[in-house]
Amino acid sequence: ERRGAESAAGAADGTPQRAGYRHLI
């Protein structure tokens, strides 16, 4: 839950996020 919240917060403030295989596919 915390990782998901941080990821959402990072996406909201424009911080680059680490891409996963889902994004690659």
mmCIF file of all heavy atoms, coordinates in Angstrom:
data_MODEL
# 
_entry.id   MODEL 
# 
loop_
_atom_site.group_PDB 
_atom_site.id 
_atom_site.type_symbol 
_atom_site.label_atom_id 
_atom_site.label_alt_id 
_atom_site.label_comp_id 
_atom_site.label_asym_id 
_atom_site.label_entity_id 
_atom_site.label_seq_id 
_atom_site.pdbx_PDB_ins_code 
_atom_site.Cartn_x 
_atom_site.Cartn_y 
_atom_site.Cartn_z 
_atom_site.occupancy 
_atom_site.B_iso_or_equiv 
_atom_site.pdbx_formal_charge 
_atom_site.auth_seq_id 
_atom_site.auth_comp_id 
_atom_site.auth_asym_id 
_atom_site.auth_atom_id 
_atom_site.pdbx_PDB_model_num 
ATOM 1   N N   . GLU A 1 1  ? 0.827  -1.197 0.000   1.00 0.00 ? 1  GLU A N   1 
ATOM 2   C CA  . GLU A 1 1  ? 0.000  0.000  0.000   1.00 0.00 ? 1  GLU A CA  1 
ATOM 3   C C   . GLU A 1 1  ? 0.867  1.255  0.000   1.00 0.00 ? 1  GLU A C   1 
ATOM 4   O O   . GLU A 1 1  ? 0.578  2.233  -0.702  1.00 0.00 ? 1  GLU A O   1 
ATOM 5   C CB  . GLU A 1 1  ? -0.932 -0.009 1.229   1.00 0.00 ? 1  GLU A CB  1 
ATOM 6   C CG  . GLU A 1 1  ? -2.005 -1.088 1.185   1.00 0.00 ? 1  GLU A CG  1 
ATOM 7   C CD  . GLU A 1 1  ? -1.476 -2.434 1.637   1.00 0.00 ? 1  GLU A CD  1 
ATOM 8   O OE1 . GLU A 1 1  ? -0.269 -2.517 1.995   1.00 0.00 ? 1  GLU A OE1 1 
ATOM 9   O OE2 . GLU A 1 1  ? -2.241 -3.412 1.606   1.00 0.00 ? 1  GLU A OE2 1 
ATOM 10  N N   . ARG A 1 2  ? 1.945  1.218  0.783   1.00 0.00 ? 2  ARG A N   1 
ATOM 11  C CA  . ARG A 1 2  ? 2.810  2.392  0.855   1.00 0.00 ? 2  ARG A CA  1 
ATOM 12  C C   . ARG A 1 2  ? 3.532  2.632  -0.465  1.00 0.00 ? 2  ARG A C   1 
ATOM 13  O O   . ARG A 1 2  ? 3.664  3.771  -0.922  1.00 0.00 ? 2  ARG A O   1 
ATOM 14  C CB  . ARG A 1 2  ? 3.807  2.213  1.989   1.00 0.00 ? 2  ARG A CB  1 
ATOM 15  C CG  . ARG A 1 2  ? 4.716  3.435  2.193   1.00 0.00 ? 2  ARG A CG  1 
ATOM 16  C CD  . ARG A 1 2  ? 5.622  3.234  3.366   1.00 0.00 ? 2  ARG A CD  1 
ATOM 17  N NE  . ARG A 1 2  ? 6.519  4.364  3.547   1.00 0.00 ? 2  ARG A NE  1 
ATOM 18  C CZ  . ARG A 1 2  ? 7.476  4.424  4.477   1.00 0.00 ? 2  ARG A CZ  1 
ATOM 19  N NH1 . ARG A 1 2  ? 7.620  3.401  5.323   1.00 0.00 ? 2  ARG A NH1 1 
ATOM 20  N NH2 . ARG A 1 2  ? 8.259  5.475  4.562   1.00 0.00 ? 2  ARG A NH2 1 
ATOM 21  N N   . ARG A 1 3  ? 4.010  1.531  -1.072  1.00 0.00 ? 3  ARG A N   1 
ATOM 22  C CA  . ARG A 1 3  ? 4.676  1.675  -2.372  1.00 0.00 ? 3  ARG A CA  1 
ATOM 23  C C   . ARG A 1 3  ? 3.721  2.228  -3.407  1.00 0.00 ? 3  ARG A C   1 
ATOM 24  O O   . ARG A 1 3  ? 4.080  3.068  -4.235  1.00 0.00 ? 3  ARG A O   1 
ATOM 25  C CB  . ARG A 1 3  ? 5.230  0.316  -2.829  1.00 0.00 ? 3  ARG A CB  1 
ATOM 26  C CG  . ARG A 1 3  ? 6.447  -0.141 -2.042  1.00 0.00 ? 3  ARG A CG  1 
ATOM 27  C CD  . ARG A 1 3  ? 7.171  -1.239 -2.809  1.00 0.00 ? 3  ARG A CD  1 
ATOM 28  N NE  . ARG A 1 3  ? 6.292  -2.375 -3.060  1.00 0.00 ? 3  ARG A NE  1 
ATOM 29  C CZ  . ARG A 1 3  ? 6.195  -3.426 -2.253  1.00 0.00 ? 3  ARG A CZ  1 
ATOM 30  N NH1 . ARG A 1 3  ? 6.900  -3.464 -1.119  1.00 0.00 ? 3  ARG A NH1 1 
ATOM 31  N NH2 . ARG A 1 3  ? 5.394  -4.427 -2.548  1.00 0.00 ? 3  ARG A NH2 1 
ATOM 32  N N   . GLY A 1 4  ? 2.459  1.749  -3.372  1.00 0.00 ? 4  GLY A N   1 
ATOM 33  C CA  . GLY A 1 4  ? 1.485  2.245  -4.326  1.00 0.00 ? 4  GLY A CA  1 
ATOM 34  C C   . GLY A 1 4  ? 1.176  3.714  -4.103  1.00 0.00 ? 4  GLY A C   1 
ATOM 35  O O   . GLY A 1 4  ? 1.030  4.481  -5.056  1.00 0.00 ? 4  GLY A O   1 
ATOM 36  N N   . ALA A 1 5  ? 1.093  4.114  -2.816  1.00 0.00 ? 5  ALA A N   1 
ATOM 37  C CA  . ALA A 1 5  ? 0.819  5.515  -2.516  1.00 0.00 ? 5  ALA A CA  1 
ATOM 38  C C   . ALA A 1 5  ? 1.962  6.408  -2.966  1.00 0.00 ? 5  ALA A C   1 
ATOM 39  O O   . ALA A 1 5  ? 1.755  7.482  -3.529  1.00 0.00 ? 5  ALA A O   1 
ATOM 40  C CB  . ALA A 1 5  ? 0.577  5.682  -1.007  1.00 0.00 ? 5  ALA A CB  1 
ATOM 41  N N   . GLU A 1 6  ? 3.216  5.955  -2.745  1.00 0.00 ? 6  GLU A N   1 
ATOM 42  C CA  . GLU A 1 6  ? 4.368  6.740  -3.166  1.00 0.00 ? 6  GLU A CA  1 
ATOM 43  C C   . GLU A 1 6  ? 4.447  6.836  -4.682  1.00 0.00 ? 6  GLU A C   1 
ATOM 44  O O   . GLU A 1 6  ? 4.822  7.864  -5.247  1.00 0.00 ? 6  GLU A O   1 
ATOM 45  C CB  . GLU A 1 6  ? 5.648  6.122  -2.600  1.00 0.00 ? 6  GLU A CB  1 
ATOM 46  C CG  . GLU A 1 6  ? 5.770  6.272  -1.092  1.00 0.00 ? 6  GLU A CG  1 
ATOM 47  C CD  . GLU A 1 6  ? 7.085  5.726  -0.576  1.00 0.00 ? 6  GLU A CD  1 
ATOM 48  O OE1 . GLU A 1 6  ? 7.832  5.148  -1.393  1.00 0.00 ? 6  GLU A OE1 1 
ATOM 49  O OE2 . GLU A 1 6  ? 7.371  5.884  0.627   1.00 0.00 ? 6  GLU A OE2 1 
ATOM 50  N N   . SER A 1 7  ? 4.099  5.723  -5.351  1.00 0.00 ? 7  SER A N   1 
ATOM 51  C CA  . SER A 1 7  ? 4.115  5.748  -6.809  1.00 0.00 ? 7  SER A CA  1 
ATOM 52  C C   . SER A 1 7  ? 3.089  6.736  -7.351  1.00 0.00 ? 7  SER A C   1 
ATOM 53  O O   . SER A 1 7  ? 3.357  7.491  -8.283  1.00 0.00 ? 7  SER A O   1 
ATOM 54  C CB  . SER A 1 7  ? 3.834  4.348  -7.360  1.00 0.00 ? 7  SER A CB  1 
ATOM 55  O OG  . SER A 1 7  ? 3.770  4.364  -8.759  1.00 0.00 ? 7  SER A OG  1 
ATOM 56  N N   . ALA A 1 8  ? 1.896  6.734  -6.732  1.00 0.00 ? 8  ALA A N   1 
ATOM 57  C CA  . ALA A 1 8  ? 0.855  7.662  -7.175  1.00 0.00 ? 8  ALA A CA  1 
ATOM 58  C C   . ALA A 1 8  ? 1.268  9.105  -6.903  1.00 0.00 ? 8  ALA A C   1 
ATOM 59  O O   . ALA A 1 8  ? 1.034  10.004 -7.714  1.00 0.00 ? 8  ALA A O   1 
ATOM 60  C CB  . ALA A 1 8  ? -0.460 7.340  -6.471  1.00 0.00 ? 8  ALA A CB  1 
ATOM 61  N N   . ALA A 1 9  ? 1.918  9.331  -5.740  1.00 0.00 ? 9  ALA A N   1 
ATOM 62  C CA  . ALA A 1 9  ? 2.361  10.676 -5.415  1.00 0.00 ? 9  ALA A CA  1 
ATOM 63  C C   . ALA A 1 9  ? 3.443  11.145 -6.375  1.00 0.00 ? 9  ALA A C   1 
ATOM 64  O O   . ALA A 1 9  ? 3.465  12.300 -6.808  1.00 0.00 ? 9  ALA A O   1 
ATOM 65  C CB  . ALA A 1 9  ? 2.871  10.718 -3.968  1.00 0.00 ? 9  ALA A CB  1 
ATOM 66  N N   . GLY A 1 10 ? 4.347  10.224 -6.709  1.00 0.00 ? 10 GLY A N   1 
ATOM 67  C CA  . GLY A 1 10 ? 5.410  10.558 -7.649  1.00 0.00 ? 10 GLY A CA  1 
ATOM 68  C C   . GLY A 1 10 ? 4.853  10.894 -9.012  1.00 0.00 ? 10 GLY A C   1 
ATOM 69  O O   . GLY A 1 10 ? 5.316  11.817 -9.687  1.00 0.00 ? 10 GLY A O   1 
ATOM 70  N N   . ALA A 1 11 ? 3.850  10.122 -9.459  1.00 0.00 ? 11 ALA A N   1 
ATOM 71  C CA  . ALA A 1 11 ? 3.239  10.398 -10.758 1.00 0.00 ? 11 ALA A CA  1 
ATOM 72  C C   . ALA A 1 11 ? 2.535  11.747 -10.748 1.00 0.00 ? 11 ALA A C   1 
ATOM 73  O O   . ALA A 1 11 ? 2.493  12.459 -11.753 1.00 0.00 ? 11 ALA A O   1 
ATOM 74  C CB  . ALA A 1 11 ? 2.261  9.284  -11.120 1.00 0.00 ? 11 ALA A CB  1 
ATOM 75  N N   . ALA A 1 12 ? 1.968  12.116 -9.577  1.00 0.00 ? 12 ALA A N   1 
ATOM 76  C CA  . ALA A 1 12 ? 1.229  13.372 -9.502  1.00 0.00 ? 12 ALA A CA  1 
ATOM 77  C C   . ALA A 1 12 ? 2.153  14.579 -9.564  1.00 0.00 ? 12 ALA A C   1 
ATOM 78  O O   . ALA A 1 12 ? 1.814  15.597 -10.164 1.00 0.00 ? 12 ALA A O   1 
ATOM 79  C CB  . ALA A 1 12 ? 0.399  13.401 -8.211  1.00 0.00 ? 12 ALA A CB  1 
ATOM 80  N N   . ASP A 1 13 ? 3.333  14.499 -8.921  1.00 0.00 ? 13 ASP A N   1 
ATOM 81  C CA  . ASP A 1 13 ? 4.216  15.663 -8.917  1.00 0.00 ? 13 ASP A CA  1 
ATOM 82  C C   . ASP A 1 13 ? 5.223  15.655 -10.058 1.00 0.00 ? 13 ASP A C   1 
ATOM 83  O O   . ASP A 1 13 ? 6.140  16.482 -10.084 1.00 0.00 ? 13 ASP A O   1 
ATOM 84  C CB  . ASP A 1 13 ? 4.941  15.770 -7.579  1.00 0.00 ? 13 ASP A CB  1 
ATOM 85  C CG  . ASP A 1 13 ? 5.858  14.564 -7.319  1.00 0.00 ? 13 ASP A CG  1 
ATOM 86  O OD1 . ASP A 1 13 ? 6.116  13.786 -8.260  1.00 0.00 ? 13 ASP A OD1 1 
ATOM 87  O OD2 . ASP A 1 13 ? 6.315  14.414 -6.163  1.00 0.00 ? 13 ASP A OD2 1 
ATOM 88  N N   . GLY A 1 14 ? 5.095  14.713 -10.997 1.00 0.00 ? 14 GLY A N   1 
ATOM 89  C CA  . GLY A 1 14 ? 5.948  14.712 -12.179 1.00 0.00 ? 14 GLY A CA  1 
ATOM 90  C C   . GLY A 1 14 ? 7.272  14.018 -12.002 1.00 0.00 ? 14 GLY A C   1 
ATOM 91  O O   . GLY A 1 14 ? 8.135  14.075 -12.895 1.00 0.00 ? 14 GLY A O   1 
ATOM 92  N N   . THR A 1 15 ? 7.513  13.376 -10.856 1.00 0.00 ? 15 THR A N   1 
ATOM 93  C CA  . THR A 1 15 ? 8.765  12.659 -10.632 1.00 0.00 ? 15 THR A CA  1 
ATOM 94  C C   . THR A 1 15 ? 8.828  11.423 -11.519 1.00 0.00 ? 15 THR A C   1 
ATOM 95  O O   . THR A 1 15 ? 7.855  10.658 -11.583 1.00 0.00 ? 15 THR A O   1 
ATOM 96  C CB  . THR A 1 15 ? 8.880  12.231 -9.157  1.00 0.00 ? 15 THR A CB  1 
ATOM 97  O OG1 . THR A 1 15 ? 8.758  13.382 -8.329  1.00 0.00 ? 15 THR A OG1 1 
ATOM 98  C CG2 . THR A 1 15 ? 10.217 11.541 -8.907  1.00 0.00 ? 15 THR A CG2 1 
ATOM 99  N N   . PRO A 1 16 ? 9.939  11.188 -12.234 1.00 0.00 ? 16 PRO A N   1 
ATOM 100 C CA  . PRO A 1 16 ? 10.034 9.997  -13.096 1.00 0.00 ? 16 PRO A CA  1 
ATOM 101 C C   . PRO A 1 16 ? 9.865  8.721  -12.286 1.00 0.00 ? 16 PRO A C   1 
ATOM 102 O O   . PRO A 1 16 ? 10.422 8.587  -11.191 1.00 0.00 ? 16 PRO A O   1 
ATOM 103 C CB  . PRO A 1 16 ? 11.452 10.107 -13.688 1.00 0.00 ? 16 PRO A CB  1 
ATOM 104 C CG  . PRO A 1 16 ? 11.805 11.558 -13.576 1.00 0.00 ? 16 PRO A CG  1 
ATOM 105 C CD  . PRO A 1 16 ? 11.132 12.035 -12.335 1.00 0.00 ? 16 PRO A CD  1 
ATOM 106 N N   . GLN A 1 17 ? 9.093  7.799  -12.816 1.00 0.00 ? 17 GLN A N   1 
ATOM 107 C CA  . GLN A 1 17 ? 8.846  6.533  -12.151 1.00 0.00 ? 17 GLN A CA  1 
ATOM 108 C C   . GLN A 1 17 ? 9.562  5.407  -12.897 1.00 0.00 ? 17 GLN A C   1 
ATOM 109 O O   . GLN A 1 17 ? 9.756  5.463  -14.105 1.00 0.00 ? 17 GLN A O   1 
ATOM 110 C CB  . GLN A 1 17 ? 7.337  6.237  -12.112 1.00 0.00 ? 17 GLN A CB  1 
ATOM 111 C CG  . GLN A 1 17 ? 6.534  7.292  -11.368 1.00 0.00 ? 17 GLN A CG  1 
ATOM 112 C CD  . GLN A 1 17 ? 6.942  7.396  -9.913  1.00 0.00 ? 17 GLN A CD  1 
ATOM 113 O OE1 . GLN A 1 17 ? 7.015  6.397  -9.209  1.00 0.00 ? 17 GLN A OE1 1 
ATOM 114 N NE2 . GLN A 1 17 ? 7.209  8.615  -9.470  1.00 0.00 ? 17 GLN A NE2 1 
ATOM 115 N N   . ARG A 1 18 ? 9.961  4.387  -12.154 1.00 0.00 ? 18 ARG A N   1 
ATOM 116 C CA  . ARG A 1 18 ? 10.618 3.234  -12.747 1.00 0.00 ? 18 ARG A CA  1 
ATOM 117 C C   . ARG A 1 18 ? 9.617  2.429  -13.566 1.00 0.00 ? 18 ARG A C   1 
ATOM 118 O O   . ARG A 1 18 ? 8.565  2.037  -13.052 1.00 0.00 ? 18 ARG A O   1 
ATOM 119 C CB  . ARG A 1 18 ? 11.236 2.355  -11.665 1.00 0.00 ? 18 ARG A CB  1 
ATOM 120 C CG  . ARG A 1 18 ? 11.968 1.127  -12.218 1.00 0.00 ? 18 ARG A CG  1 
ATOM 121 C CD  . ARG A 1 18 ? 12.553 0.308  -11.080 1.00 0.00 ? 18 ARG A CD  1 
ATOM 122 N NE  . ARG A 1 18 ? 13.208 -0.869 -11.585 1.00 0.00 ? 18 ARG A NE  1 
ATOM 123 C CZ  . ARG A 1 18 ? 14.478 -0.903 -11.993 1.00 0.00 ? 18 ARG A CZ  1 
ATOM 124 N NH1 . ARG A 1 18 ? 15.193 0.213  -11.962 1.00 0.00 ? 18 ARG A NH1 1 
ATOM 125 N NH2 . ARG A 1 18 ? 15.018 -2.025 -12.430 1.00 0.00 ? 18 ARG A NH2 1 
ATOM 126 N N   . ALA A 1 19 ? 9.937  2.190  -14.818 1.00 0.00 ? 19 ALA A N   1 
ATOM 127 C CA  . ALA A 1 19 ? 9.034  1.441  -15.691 1.00 0.00 ? 19 ALA A CA  1 
ATOM 128 C C   . ALA A 1 19 ? 9.150  -0.050 -15.402 1.00 0.00 ? 19 ALA A C   1 
ATOM 129 O O   . ALA A 1 19 ? 10.233 -0.557 -15.092 1.00 0.00 ? 19 ALA A O   1 
ATOM 130 C CB  . ALA A 1 19 ? 9.374  1.714  -17.160 1.00 0.00 ? 19 ALA A CB  1 
ATOM 131 N N   . GLY A 1 20 ? 8.037  -0.738 -15.504 1.00 0.00 ? 20 GLY A N   1 
ATOM 132 C CA  . GLY A 1 20 ? 8.019  -2.182 -15.308 1.00 0.00 ? 20 GLY A CA  1 
ATOM 133 C C   . GLY A 1 20 ? 7.769  -2.899 -16.620 1.00 0.00 ? 20 GLY A C   1 
ATOM 134 O O   . GLY A 1 20 ? 7.596  -2.280 -17.674 1.00 0.00 ? 20 GLY A O   1 
ATOM 135 N N   . TYR A 1 21 ? 7.739  -4.219 -16.550 1.00 0.00 ? 21 TYR A N   1 
ATOM 136 C CA  . TYR A 1 21 ? 7.518  -5.008 -17.766 1.00 0.00 ? 21 TYR A CA  1 
ATOM 137 C C   . TYR A 1 21 ? 6.128  -4.759 -18.349 1.00 0.00 ? 21 TYR A C   1 
ATOM 138 O O   . TYR A 1 21 ? 5.922  -4.907 -19.555 1.00 0.00 ? 21 TYR A O   1 
ATOM 139 C CB  . TYR A 1 21 ? 7.703  -6.493 -17.466 1.00 0.00 ? 21 TYR A CB  1 
ATOM 140 C CG  . TYR A 1 21 ? 9.165  -6.904 -17.434 1.00 0.00 ? 21 TYR A CG  1 
ATOM 141 C CD1 . TYR A 1 21 ? 9.846  -7.022 -16.236 1.00 0.00 ? 21 TYR A CD1 1 
ATOM 142 C CD2 . TYR A 1 21 ? 9.855  -7.150 -18.617 1.00 0.00 ? 21 TYR A CD2 1 
ATOM 143 C CE1 . TYR A 1 21 ? 11.181 -7.383 -16.194 1.00 0.00 ? 21 TYR A CE1 1 
ATOM 144 C CE2 . TYR A 1 21 ? 11.193 -7.516 -18.595 1.00 0.00 ? 21 TYR A CE2 1 
ATOM 145 C CZ  . TYR A 1 21 ? 11.855 -7.631 -17.387 1.00 0.00 ? 21 TYR A CZ  1 
ATOM 146 O OH  . TYR A 1 21 ? 13.177 -7.977 -17.363 1.00 0.00 ? 21 TYR A OH  1 
ATOM 147 N N   . ARG A 1 22 ? 5.189  -4.371 -17.485 1.00 0.00 ? 22 ARG A N   1 
ATOM 148 C CA  . ARG A 1 22 ? 3.864  -4.038 -17.997 1.00 0.00 ? 22 ARG A CA  1 
ATOM 149 C C   . ARG A 1 22 ? 3.934  -2.855 -18.955 1.00 0.00 ? 22 ARG A C   1 
ATOM 150 O O   . ARG A 1 22 ? 3.285  -2.853 -20.004 1.00 0.00 ? 22 ARG A O   1 
ATOM 151 C CB  . ARG A 1 22 ? 2.926  -3.731 -16.823 1.00 0.00 ? 22 ARG A CB  1 
ATOM 152 C CG  . ARG A 1 22 ? 1.542  -3.257 -17.222 1.00 0.00 ? 22 ARG A CG  1 
ATOM 153 C CD  . ARG A 1 22 ? 0.652  -3.157 -15.990 1.00 0.00 ? 22 ARG A CD  1 
ATOM 154 N NE  . ARG A 1 22 ? 1.220  -2.240 -15.021 1.00 0.00 ? 22 ARG A NE  1 
ATOM 155 C CZ  . ARG A 1 22 ? 0.994  -0.923 -15.012 1.00 0.00 ? 22 ARG A CZ  1 
ATOM 156 N NH1 . ARG A 1 22 ? 0.231  -0.383 -15.976 1.00 0.00 ? 22 ARG A NH1 1 
ATOM 157 N NH2 . ARG A 1 22 ? 1.522  -0.150 -14.085 1.00 0.00 ? 22 ARG A NH2 1 
ATOM 158 N N   . HIS A 1 23 ? 4.735  -1.863 -18.603 1.00 0.00 ? 23 HIS A N   1 
ATOM 159 C CA  . HIS A 1 23 ? 4.902  -0.706 -19.474 1.00 0.00 ? 23 HIS A CA  1 
ATOM 160 C C   . HIS A 1 23 ? 5.630  -1.088 -20.765 1.00 0.00 ? 23 HIS A C   1 
ATOM 161 O O   . HIS A 1 23 ? 5.306  -0.588 -21.844 1.00 0.00 ? 23 HIS A O   1 
ATOM 162 C CB  . HIS A 1 23 ? 5.686  0.395  -18.750 1.00 0.00 ? 23 HIS A CB  1 
ATOM 163 C CG  . HIS A 1 23 ? 5.044  0.862  -17.486 1.00 0.00 ? 23 HIS A CG  1 
ATOM 164 N ND1 . HIS A 1 23 ? 5.266  0.249  -16.272 1.00 0.00 ? 23 HIS A ND1 1 
ATOM 165 C CD2 . HIS A 1 23 ? 4.165  1.879  -17.246 1.00 0.00 ? 23 HIS A CD2 1 
ATOM 166 C CE1 . HIS A 1 23 ? 4.573  0.876  -15.332 1.00 0.00 ? 23 HIS A CE1 1 
ATOM 167 N NE2 . HIS A 1 23 ? 3.895  1.866  -15.888 1.00 0.00 ? 23 HIS A NE2 1 
ATOM 168 N N   . LEU A 1 24 ? 6.618  -1.969 -20.630 1.00 0.00 ? 24 LEU A N   1 
ATOM 169 C CA  . LEU A 1 24 ? 7.361  -2.406 -21.814 1.00 0.00 ? 24 LEU A CA  1 
ATOM 170 C C   . LEU A 1 24 ? 6.457  -3.158 -22.785 1.00 0.00 ? 24 LEU A C   1 
ATOM 171 O O   . LEU A 1 24 ? 6.479  -2.908 -23.999 1.00 0.00 ? 24 LEU A O   1 
ATOM 172 C CB  . LEU A 1 24 ? 8.532  -3.301 -21.400 1.00 0.00 ? 24 LEU A CB  1 
ATOM 173 C CG  . LEU A 1 24 ? 9.353  -3.914 -22.535 1.00 0.00 ? 24 LEU A CG  1 
ATOM 174 C CD1 . LEU A 1 24 ? 10.006 -2.831 -23.380 1.00 0.00 ? 24 LEU A CD1 1 
ATOM 175 C CD2 . LEU A 1 24 ? 10.398 -4.878 -21.983 1.00 0.00 ? 24 LEU A CD2 1 
ATOM 176 N N   . ILE A 1 25 ? 5.645  -4.069 -22.261 1.00 0.00 ? 25 ILE A N   1 
ATOM 177 C CA  . ILE A 1 25 ? 4.740  -4.840 -23.118 1.00 0.00 ? 25 ILE A CA  1 
ATOM 178 C C   . ILE A 1 25 ? 3.762  -3.905 -23.825 1.00 0.00 ? 25 ILE A C   1 
ATOM 179 O O   . ILE A 1 25 ? 3.518  -4.033 -25.032 1.00 0.00 ? 25 ILE A O   1 
ATOM 180 C CB  . ILE A 1 25 ? 3.986  -5.890 -22.275 1.00 0.00 ? 25 ILE A CB  1 
ATOM 181 C CG1 . ILE A 1 25 ? 4.962  -6.944 -21.750 1.00 0.00 ? 25 ILE A CG1 1 
ATOM 182 C CG2 . ILE A 1 25 ? 2.878  -6.544 -23.095 1.00 0.00 ? 25 ILE A CG2 1 
ATOM 183 C CD1 . ILE A 1 25 ? 4.343  -7.911 -20.759 1.00 0.00 ? 25 ILE A CD1 1 
# 
